[in-house]
């Protein structure tokens, strides 16, 4: 079941469902770039070799919203 949601940037309705992808060590969120590169930060993706996370993308402004894993 797919719920519709509005874009937090422009308010456009019905974002496109998909996934963001990455490779080891995965895609992470960091408040600022540092010397440790992608080794530190809050993981956004899960997986062993190919990492994925559920996301939605706005067709109007291009904003991508990463959804929490349930």
C-alpha atoms as a PDB file:
ATOM      1  CA  UNK A   1       0.000   0.000   0.000  1.00  0.00           C
ATOM      2  CA  UNK A   2       1.488   3.341  -1.068  1.00  0.00           C
ATOM      3  CA  UNK A   3       0.480   6.524   0.730  1.00  0.00           C
ATOM      4  CA  UNK A   4       0.640   9.874  -1.025  1.00  0.00           C
ATOM      5  CA  UNK A   5       2.648  12.656   0.557  1.00  0.00           C
ATOM      6  CA  UNK A   6       3.329  16.299  -0.239  1.00  0.00           C
ATOM      7  CA  UNK A   7       6.773  17.670  -1.039  1.00  0.00           C
ATOM      8  CA  UNK A   8       8.256  19.466   1.981  1.00  0.00           C
ATOM      9  CA  UNK A   9       9.910  22.042  -0.332  1.00  0.00           C
ATOM     10  CA  UNK A  10       7.229  23.034  -2.844  1.00  0.00           C
ATOM     11  CA  UNK A  11       4.053  21.320  -1.599  1.00  0.00           C
ATOM     12  CA  UNK A  12       3.491  19.312  -4.811  1.00  0.00           C
ATOM     13  CA  UNK A  13       1.285  16.277  -4.125  1.00  0.00           C
ATOM     14  CA  UNK A  14       1.924  12.618  -4.874  1.00  0.00           C
ATOM     15  CA  UNK A  15       5.697  12.132  -4.856  1.00  0.00           C
ATOM     16  CA  UNK A  16       7.116   9.252  -6.927  1.00  0.00           C
ATOM     17  CA  UNK A  17       8.043   6.199  -4.827  1.00  0.00           C
ATOM     18  CA  UNK A  18      11.466   4.626  -5.339  1.00  0.00           C
ATOM     19  CA  UNK A  19      14.764   3.904  -3.601  1.00  0.00           C
ATOM     20  CA  UNK A  20      18.105   5.612  -3.147  1.00  0.00           C
ATOM     21  CA  UNK A  21      21.086   3.352  -3.760  1.00  0.00           C
ATOM     22  CA  UNK A  22      24.734   3.212  -2.782  1.00  0.00           C
ATOM     23  CA  UNK A  23      27.654   0.871  -2.284  1.00  0.00           C
ATOM     24  CA  UNK A  24      29.559  -0.093   0.845  1.00  0.00           C
ATOM     25  CA  UNK A  25      29.912   1.436   3.361  1.00  0.00           C
ATOM     26  CA  UNK A  26      26.508   2.865   2.377  1.00  0.00           C
ATOM     27  CA  UNK A  27      24.883   6.270   2.139  1.00  0.00           C
ATOM     28  CA  UNK A  28      25.013   8.314   5.339  1.00  0.00           C
ATOM     29  CA  UNK A  29      23.808  11.687   6.612  1.00  0.00           C
ATOM     30  CA  UNK A  30      26.380  14.049   8.137  1.00  0.00           C
ATOM     31  CA  UNK A  31      25.846  17.562   9.446  1.00  0.00           C
ATOM     32  CA  UNK A  32      29.218  18.568   7.964  1.00  0.00           C
ATOM     33  CA  UNK A  33      31.924  17.033   5.824  1.00  0.00           C
ATOM     34  CA  UNK A  34      34.946  15.788   7.760  1.00  0.00           C
ATOM     35  CA  UNK A  35      38.163  13.841   7.455  1.00  0.00           C
ATOM     36  CA  UNK A  36      36.422  10.479   8.030  1.00  0.00           C
ATOM     37  CA  UNK A  37      34.494  10.823   4.744  1.00  0.00           C
ATOM     38  CA  UNK A  38      31.675   8.284   4.479  1.00  0.00           C
ATOM     39  CA  UNK A  39      32.911   6.103   7.358  1.00  0.00           C
ATOM     40  CA  UNK A  40      30.977   8.103   9.975  1.00  0.00           C
ATOM     41  CA  UNK A  41      27.493   9.577  10.095  1.00  0.00           C
ATOM     42  CA  UNK A  42      23.929   8.337  10.405  1.00  0.00           C
ATOM     43  CA  UNK A  43      23.272   5.433   7.993  1.00  0.00           C
ATOM     44  CA  UNK A  44      20.397   6.049   5.572  1.00  0.00           C
ATOM     45  CA  UNK A  45      20.717   2.768   3.687  1.00  0.00           C
ATOM     46  CA  UNK A  46      20.915  -0.892   4.574  1.00  0.00           C
ATOM     47  CA  UNK A  47      22.396  -3.888   2.803  1.00  0.00           C
ATOM     48  CA  UNK A  48      25.648  -5.792   2.460  1.00  0.00           C
ATOM     49  CA  UNK A  49      27.155  -4.914  -0.949  1.00  0.00           C
ATOM     50  CA  UNK A  50      24.468  -2.791  -2.587  1.00  0.00           C
ATOM     51  CA  UNK A  51      22.726  -0.487  -0.126  1.00  0.00           C
ATOM     52  CA  UNK A  52      19.162   0.814  -0.567  1.00  0.00           C
ATOM     53  CA  UNK A  53      16.646   2.950   1.319  1.00  0.00           C
ATOM     54  CA  UNK A  54      13.011   3.760   0.534  1.00  0.00           C
ATOM     55  CA  UNK A  55      12.536   7.294  -0.801  1.00  0.00           C
ATOM     56  CA  UNK A  56      10.132   9.593  -2.644  1.00  0.00           C
ATOM     57  CA  UNK A  57      11.060  12.172  -5.319  1.00  0.00           C
ATOM     58  CA  UNK A  58       9.168  15.318  -6.291  1.00  0.00           C
ATOM     59  CA  UNK A  59       8.687  15.656 -10.038  1.00  0.00           C
ATOM     60  CA  UNK A  60       8.265  19.430  -9.721  1.00  0.00           C
ATOM     61  CA  UNK A  61      11.375  20.570  -7.809  1.00  0.00           C
ATOM     62  CA  UNK A  62      13.489  17.365  -7.560  1.00  0.00           C
ATOM     63  CA  UNK A  63      13.508  17.155  -3.751  1.00  0.00           C
ATOM     64  CA  UNK A  64      14.187  13.604  -2.493  1.00  0.00           C
ATOM     65  CA  UNK A  65      12.682  12.510   0.825  1.00  0.00           C
ATOM     66  CA  UNK A  66      14.329   9.480   2.495  1.00  0.00           C
ATOM     67  CA  UNK A  67      11.736   7.480   4.410  1.00  0.00           C
ATOM     68  CA  UNK A  68      12.500   5.772   7.710  1.00  0.00           C
ATOM     69  CA  UNK A  69      12.720   1.992   7.525  1.00  0.00           C
ATOM     70  CA  UNK A  70       9.767   0.330   9.222  1.00  0.00           C
END
